[in-house]
N, C-alpha and C. Protein backbone atom coordinates (compact mmCIF):
# COMPACT_ATOMS: atom_id res chain seq x y z
N MET A 1 7.87 -18.30 13.79
CA MET A 1 7.35 -18.38 12.38
C MET A 1 6.09 -17.56 12.16
N GLN A 2 5.18 -17.52 13.10
CA GLN A 2 3.95 -16.78 13.03
C GLN A 2 4.27 -15.24 12.86
N SER A 3 5.28 -14.69 13.61
CA SER A 3 5.54 -13.37 13.50
C SER A 3 6.14 -13.00 12.18
N LEU A 4 6.89 -13.91 11.56
CA LEU A 4 7.48 -13.70 10.19
C LEU A 4 6.34 -13.64 9.23
N ILE A 5 5.38 -14.50 9.27
CA ILE A 5 4.24 -14.52 8.40
C ILE A 5 3.39 -13.25 8.58
N TYR A 6 3.19 -12.80 9.91
CA TYR A 6 2.41 -11.65 10.13
C TYR A 6 3.10 -10.38 9.60
N GLN A 7 4.49 -10.34 9.74
CA GLN A 7 5.18 -9.15 9.23
C GLN A 7 5.16 -9.02 7.73
N TRP A 8 4.95 -10.03 7.04
CA TRP A 8 4.95 -9.99 5.52
C TRP A 8 3.70 -10.47 4.93
N ILE A 9 2.58 -10.36 5.76
CA ILE A 9 1.24 -10.93 5.17
C ILE A 9 0.83 -10.07 3.91
N ASP A 10 1.29 -8.81 3.86
CA ASP A 10 0.85 -7.95 2.69
C ASP A 10 1.46 -8.43 1.43
N LEU A 11 2.33 -9.34 1.42
CA LEU A 11 2.93 -9.90 0.17
C LEU A 11 1.87 -10.86 -0.51
N LEU A 12 0.77 -11.15 0.14
CA LEU A 12 -0.25 -11.90 -0.49
C LEU A 12 -0.94 -11.04 -1.62
N TRP A 13 -0.80 -9.79 -1.55
CA TRP A 13 -1.34 -9.00 -2.65
C TRP A 13 -0.68 -9.21 -4.02
N LEU A 14 0.50 -9.73 -4.03
CA LEU A 14 1.22 -9.92 -5.25
C LEU A 14 0.62 -10.92 -6.12
N PRO A 15 0.35 -12.19 -5.69
CA PRO A 15 -0.42 -13.17 -6.53
C PRO A 15 -1.88 -12.72 -6.93
N ILE A 16 -2.53 -12.02 -5.93
CA ILE A 16 -3.82 -11.55 -6.24
C ILE A 16 -3.76 -10.56 -7.38
N GLY A 17 -2.72 -9.60 -7.29
CA GLY A 17 -2.62 -8.56 -8.23
C GLY A 17 -2.29 -9.12 -9.65
N LEU A 18 -1.52 -10.12 -9.66
CA LEU A 18 -1.06 -10.79 -10.89
C LEU A 18 -2.35 -11.41 -11.55
N ILE A 19 -3.17 -11.92 -10.77
CA ILE A 19 -4.36 -12.66 -11.31
C ILE A 19 -5.42 -11.62 -11.75
N ALA A 20 -5.49 -10.46 -10.93
CA ALA A 20 -6.68 -9.59 -11.13
C ALA A 20 -6.55 -8.78 -12.33
N VAL A 21 -5.28 -8.32 -12.76
CA VAL A 21 -5.08 -7.33 -13.70
C VAL A 21 -4.82 -7.95 -15.10
N HIS A 22 -4.76 -7.15 -16.13
CA HIS A 22 -4.68 -7.65 -17.45
C HIS A 22 -3.20 -7.80 -17.80
N LYS A 23 -2.89 -8.52 -18.81
CA LYS A 23 -1.59 -8.98 -19.20
C LYS A 23 -0.62 -7.80 -19.30
N GLY A 24 -0.88 -6.80 -19.89
CA GLY A 24 -0.05 -5.62 -20.11
C GLY A 24 0.17 -4.77 -18.83
N GLN A 25 -0.57 -5.05 -17.80
CA GLN A 25 -0.50 -4.14 -16.60
C GLN A 25 0.22 -4.96 -15.45
N ARG A 26 0.75 -6.12 -15.61
CA ARG A 26 1.21 -6.85 -14.62
C ARG A 26 2.51 -6.33 -13.95
N ILE A 27 3.42 -5.82 -14.79
CA ILE A 27 4.77 -5.38 -14.18
C ILE A 27 4.53 -4.05 -13.38
N LYS A 28 3.68 -3.16 -13.95
CA LYS A 28 3.36 -1.99 -13.16
C LYS A 28 2.60 -2.22 -11.86
N THR A 29 1.68 -3.25 -11.91
CA THR A 29 0.95 -3.63 -10.76
C THR A 29 1.91 -4.30 -9.66
N THR A 30 2.84 -5.09 -10.05
CA THR A 30 3.76 -5.65 -9.09
C THR A 30 4.66 -4.55 -8.55
N ILE A 31 5.07 -3.61 -9.34
CA ILE A 31 5.93 -2.40 -8.81
C ILE A 31 5.04 -1.59 -7.83
N PHE A 32 3.80 -1.37 -8.18
CA PHE A 32 3.01 -0.55 -7.23
C PHE A 32 2.76 -1.25 -6.00
N ILE A 33 2.56 -2.58 -5.92
CA ILE A 33 2.30 -3.30 -4.71
C ILE A 33 3.60 -3.29 -3.84
N LEU A 34 4.73 -3.60 -4.49
CA LEU A 34 5.96 -3.63 -3.74
C LEU A 34 6.31 -2.27 -3.16
N THR A 35 6.07 -1.22 -3.95
CA THR A 35 6.33 0.14 -3.48
C THR A 35 5.51 0.48 -2.20
N CYS A 36 4.19 0.04 -2.32
CA CYS A 36 3.32 0.20 -1.12
C CYS A 36 3.92 -0.52 0.09
N ILE A 37 4.28 -1.69 -0.09
CA ILE A 37 4.74 -2.57 0.98
C ILE A 37 5.94 -1.91 1.67
N PHE A 38 6.91 -1.51 0.80
CA PHE A 38 8.14 -0.88 1.36
C PHE A 38 7.89 0.47 1.95
N THR A 39 7.01 1.18 1.34
CA THR A 39 6.64 2.53 1.92
C THR A 39 5.98 2.37 3.30
N LEU A 40 5.20 1.32 3.47
CA LEU A 40 4.56 1.17 4.85
C LEU A 40 5.60 0.95 5.84
N ARG A 41 6.65 0.10 5.58
CA ARG A 41 7.74 -0.20 6.55
C ARG A 41 8.56 1.03 6.79
N THR A 42 8.77 1.75 5.74
CA THR A 42 9.54 3.05 5.91
C THR A 42 8.83 4.13 6.80
N GLN A 43 7.49 4.21 6.59
CA GLN A 43 6.73 5.11 7.37
C GLN A 43 6.70 4.66 8.90
N ILE A 44 6.61 3.36 9.09
CA ILE A 44 6.65 2.88 10.48
C ILE A 44 7.93 3.17 11.07
N GLU A 45 9.06 2.94 10.35
CA GLU A 45 10.39 3.18 10.99
C GLU A 45 10.56 4.69 11.23
N LEU A 46 10.09 5.50 10.38
CA LEU A 46 10.13 6.99 10.56
C LEU A 46 9.38 7.38 11.79
N MET A 47 8.24 6.88 12.06
CA MET A 47 7.39 7.23 13.22
C MET A 47 8.12 6.75 14.42
N GLU A 48 8.66 5.50 14.44
CA GLU A 48 9.32 4.94 15.61
C GLU A 48 10.60 5.67 15.91
N SER A 49 11.31 6.07 14.86
CA SER A 49 12.56 6.80 15.14
C SER A 49 12.38 8.15 15.71
N THR A 50 11.18 8.80 15.43
CA THR A 50 10.91 10.15 15.98
C THR A 50 10.27 10.03 17.42
N GLY A 51 10.20 8.83 17.90
CA GLY A 51 9.69 8.60 19.24
C GLY A 51 8.23 8.42 19.54
N TYR A 52 7.49 8.17 18.38
CA TYR A 52 6.03 7.99 18.47
C TYR A 52 5.65 6.60 17.90
N PRO A 53 5.88 5.58 18.57
CA PRO A 53 5.56 4.20 18.03
C PRO A 53 4.02 3.88 18.02
N ASP A 54 3.24 4.78 18.66
CA ASP A 54 1.80 4.59 18.63
C ASP A 54 1.16 5.74 17.97
N GLY A 55 1.79 6.58 17.21
CA GLY A 55 1.24 7.76 16.59
C GLY A 55 1.46 9.01 17.54
N ILE A 56 1.31 10.11 16.87
CA ILE A 56 1.54 11.37 17.68
C ILE A 56 0.45 11.69 18.52
N LEU A 57 -0.87 11.58 18.02
CA LEU A 57 -2.06 11.95 18.79
C LEU A 57 -2.66 10.79 19.61
N LYS A 58 -2.26 9.60 19.22
CA LYS A 58 -2.75 8.43 20.00
C LYS A 58 -4.28 8.31 19.99
N LEU A 59 -4.94 8.67 18.91
CA LEU A 59 -6.49 8.60 18.90
C LEU A 59 -6.93 7.31 18.45
N VAL A 60 -6.15 6.54 17.65
CA VAL A 60 -6.58 5.24 17.22
C VAL A 60 -5.88 4.17 18.04
N PRO A 61 -6.70 3.23 18.59
CA PRO A 61 -6.07 2.21 19.50
C PRO A 61 -5.15 1.18 18.70
N LEU A 62 -5.09 1.21 17.42
CA LEU A 62 -4.24 0.17 16.73
C LEU A 62 -2.83 0.65 16.69
N GLY A 63 -1.94 -0.31 16.52
CA GLY A 63 -0.55 0.04 16.30
C GLY A 63 -0.32 0.63 14.84
N LEU A 64 0.86 1.11 14.64
CA LEU A 64 1.21 1.67 13.31
C LEU A 64 1.06 0.62 12.24
N TYR A 65 1.66 -0.54 12.46
CA TYR A 65 1.66 -1.60 11.41
C TYR A 65 0.18 -2.05 11.10
N GLU A 66 -0.61 -2.20 12.09
CA GLU A 66 -2.03 -2.55 11.76
C GLU A 66 -2.73 -1.45 11.01
N ARG A 67 -2.55 -0.23 11.35
CA ARG A 67 -3.17 0.87 10.58
C ARG A 67 -2.62 0.89 9.18
N GLY A 68 -1.35 0.69 8.99
CA GLY A 68 -0.74 0.65 7.62
C GLY A 68 -1.32 -0.53 6.80
N LEU A 69 -1.37 -1.62 7.48
CA LEU A 69 -1.89 -2.82 6.70
C LEU A 69 -3.34 -2.61 6.21
N ILE A 70 -4.11 -1.98 7.08
CA ILE A 70 -5.56 -1.69 6.77
C ILE A 70 -5.57 -0.74 5.60
N PHE A 71 -4.96 0.42 5.79
CA PHE A 71 -4.92 1.42 4.77
C PHE A 71 -4.42 0.88 3.44
N TYR A 72 -3.16 0.41 3.42
CA TYR A 72 -2.55 0.00 2.25
C TYR A 72 -3.24 -1.14 1.60
N GLY A 73 -3.82 -1.95 2.39
CA GLY A 73 -4.60 -2.97 1.82
C GLY A 73 -5.80 -2.46 1.05
N LEU A 74 -6.45 -1.46 1.57
CA LEU A 74 -7.66 -0.88 0.94
C LEU A 74 -7.16 -0.20 -0.30
N LEU A 75 -6.00 0.54 -0.25
CA LEU A 75 -5.39 1.27 -1.39
C LEU A 75 -5.02 0.28 -2.56
N ILE A 76 -4.41 -0.82 -2.27
CA ILE A 76 -4.09 -1.85 -3.22
C ILE A 76 -5.31 -2.43 -3.84
N MET A 77 -6.37 -2.70 -2.98
CA MET A 77 -7.62 -3.26 -3.45
C MET A 77 -8.22 -2.26 -4.48
N LEU A 78 -8.28 -1.02 -4.18
CA LEU A 78 -8.77 0.04 -5.01
C LEU A 78 -7.97 0.09 -6.31
N PHE A 79 -6.76 0.11 -6.24
CA PHE A 79 -5.85 0.03 -7.46
C PHE A 79 -6.17 -1.22 -8.29
N LEU A 80 -6.30 -2.40 -7.66
CA LEU A 80 -6.53 -3.57 -8.55
C LEU A 80 -7.93 -3.50 -9.17
N ILE A 81 -9.01 -2.91 -8.52
CA ILE A 81 -10.27 -2.81 -9.09
C ILE A 81 -10.21 -1.88 -10.28
N LEU A 82 -9.59 -0.65 -10.06
CA LEU A 82 -9.50 0.27 -11.16
C LEU A 82 -8.70 -0.27 -12.37
N ALA A 83 -7.57 -1.05 -11.96
CA ALA A 83 -6.75 -1.58 -13.13
C ALA A 83 -7.55 -2.71 -13.91
N HIS A 84 -8.46 -3.51 -13.24
CA HIS A 84 -9.18 -4.45 -13.84
C HIS A 84 -10.21 -3.82 -14.69
N LEU A 85 -10.78 -2.69 -14.34
CA LEU A 85 -11.90 -2.09 -15.02
C LEU A 85 -11.38 -1.24 -16.19
N SER A 86 -9.99 -1.05 -16.39
CA SER A 86 -9.54 -0.39 -17.48
C SER A 86 -8.52 -1.14 -18.32
N PRO A 87 -8.95 -2.14 -18.97
CA PRO A 87 -8.09 -3.06 -19.76
C PRO A 87 -7.27 -2.33 -20.90
N ASN A 88 -7.88 -1.31 -21.54
CA ASN A 88 -7.31 -0.79 -22.71
C ASN A 88 -6.57 0.59 -22.51
N THR A 89 -6.17 0.82 -21.22
CA THR A 89 -5.51 2.00 -20.97
C THR A 89 -4.09 1.91 -21.41
N LYS A 90 -3.52 2.88 -22.13
CA LYS A 90 -2.27 2.99 -22.57
C LYS A 90 -1.24 2.92 -21.37
N GLY A 91 0.00 2.47 -21.66
CA GLY A 91 0.92 2.29 -20.63
C GLY A 91 1.33 3.57 -19.88
N VAL A 92 1.47 4.73 -20.61
CA VAL A 92 1.81 5.99 -19.93
C VAL A 92 0.65 6.45 -19.03
N ILE A 93 -0.50 6.35 -19.48
CA ILE A 93 -1.65 6.78 -18.70
C ILE A 93 -1.87 5.88 -17.45
N PHE A 94 -1.59 4.64 -17.62
CA PHE A 94 -1.69 3.74 -16.52
C PHE A 94 -0.59 4.07 -15.49
N LEU A 95 0.58 4.31 -15.92
CA LEU A 95 1.65 4.63 -14.99
C LEU A 95 1.28 5.93 -14.31
N ALA A 96 0.78 6.95 -15.03
CA ALA A 96 0.45 8.23 -14.29
C ALA A 96 -0.70 8.07 -13.37
N ALA A 97 -1.58 7.20 -13.67
CA ALA A 97 -2.68 7.00 -12.65
C ALA A 97 -2.17 6.24 -11.47
N SER A 98 -1.20 5.25 -11.67
CA SER A 98 -0.69 4.57 -10.58
C SER A 98 0.18 5.52 -9.61
N LEU A 99 0.90 6.31 -10.30
CA LEU A 99 1.64 7.41 -9.50
C LEU A 99 0.78 8.31 -8.67
N SER A 100 -0.34 8.76 -9.26
CA SER A 100 -1.22 9.65 -8.59
C SER A 100 -1.88 9.05 -7.43
N LEU A 101 -2.34 7.74 -7.61
CA LEU A 101 -2.91 6.97 -6.59
C LEU A 101 -1.90 6.67 -5.45
N TYR A 102 -0.62 6.43 -5.78
CA TYR A 102 0.29 6.22 -4.74
C TYR A 102 0.60 7.45 -3.98
N ILE A 103 0.73 8.58 -4.63
CA ILE A 103 1.00 9.81 -3.88
C ILE A 103 -0.12 10.20 -2.97
N LEU A 104 -1.35 10.01 -3.42
CA LEU A 104 -2.56 10.29 -2.64
C LEU A 104 -2.53 9.25 -1.47
N GLY A 105 -2.28 8.04 -1.81
CA GLY A 105 -2.18 7.09 -0.62
C GLY A 105 -1.09 7.42 0.37
N PHE A 106 0.01 7.85 -0.09
CA PHE A 106 1.20 8.11 0.85
C PHE A 106 0.75 9.29 1.76
N CYS A 107 0.16 10.31 1.23
CA CYS A 107 -0.25 11.49 2.04
C CYS A 107 -1.38 11.06 3.07
N ILE A 108 -2.30 10.35 2.67
CA ILE A 108 -3.35 9.95 3.57
C ILE A 108 -2.85 8.91 4.63
N SER A 109 -1.92 8.04 4.17
CA SER A 109 -1.40 7.11 5.25
C SER A 109 -0.51 7.78 6.21
N MET A 110 0.12 8.81 5.89
CA MET A 110 0.99 9.59 6.95
C MET A 110 -0.01 10.27 7.82
N LEU A 111 -1.19 10.72 7.34
CA LEU A 111 -2.11 11.28 8.23
C LEU A 111 -2.67 10.22 9.26
N PHE A 112 -2.86 8.93 8.78
CA PHE A 112 -3.33 7.86 9.67
C PHE A 112 -2.24 7.47 10.57
N MET A 113 -0.96 7.61 10.26
CA MET A 113 0.10 7.27 11.11
C MET A 113 0.24 8.35 12.23
N VAL A 114 -0.17 9.50 11.95
CA VAL A 114 -0.04 10.63 12.94
C VAL A 114 -1.10 10.42 14.02
N LEU A 115 -2.29 9.97 13.44
CA LEU A 115 -3.47 9.84 14.42
C LEU A 115 -3.16 8.61 15.39
């Protein structure tokens, strides 16, 4: 049971996200958080399938999952702060900002996975 909770602990960002953002931003926030959660798992599977379960350079003593949890946790927290501070942002602009932050996060997280 503990391993199941540990594997999906990042789902705790969903209720936090729904509380932290404004009413018109909740659907996009939920999609952003779920996308980050599934991207983390896809990146881990990609690294493990290439034969590097601890990263290519092995400079960081943490496992891939722990690195991903830390990085994506910080990314989601940054996203929630920015979403909370911009209540009157139009939907298209909010979506563009979400996509930009996600792509930046994806690139940086792949760098952390390699380390």
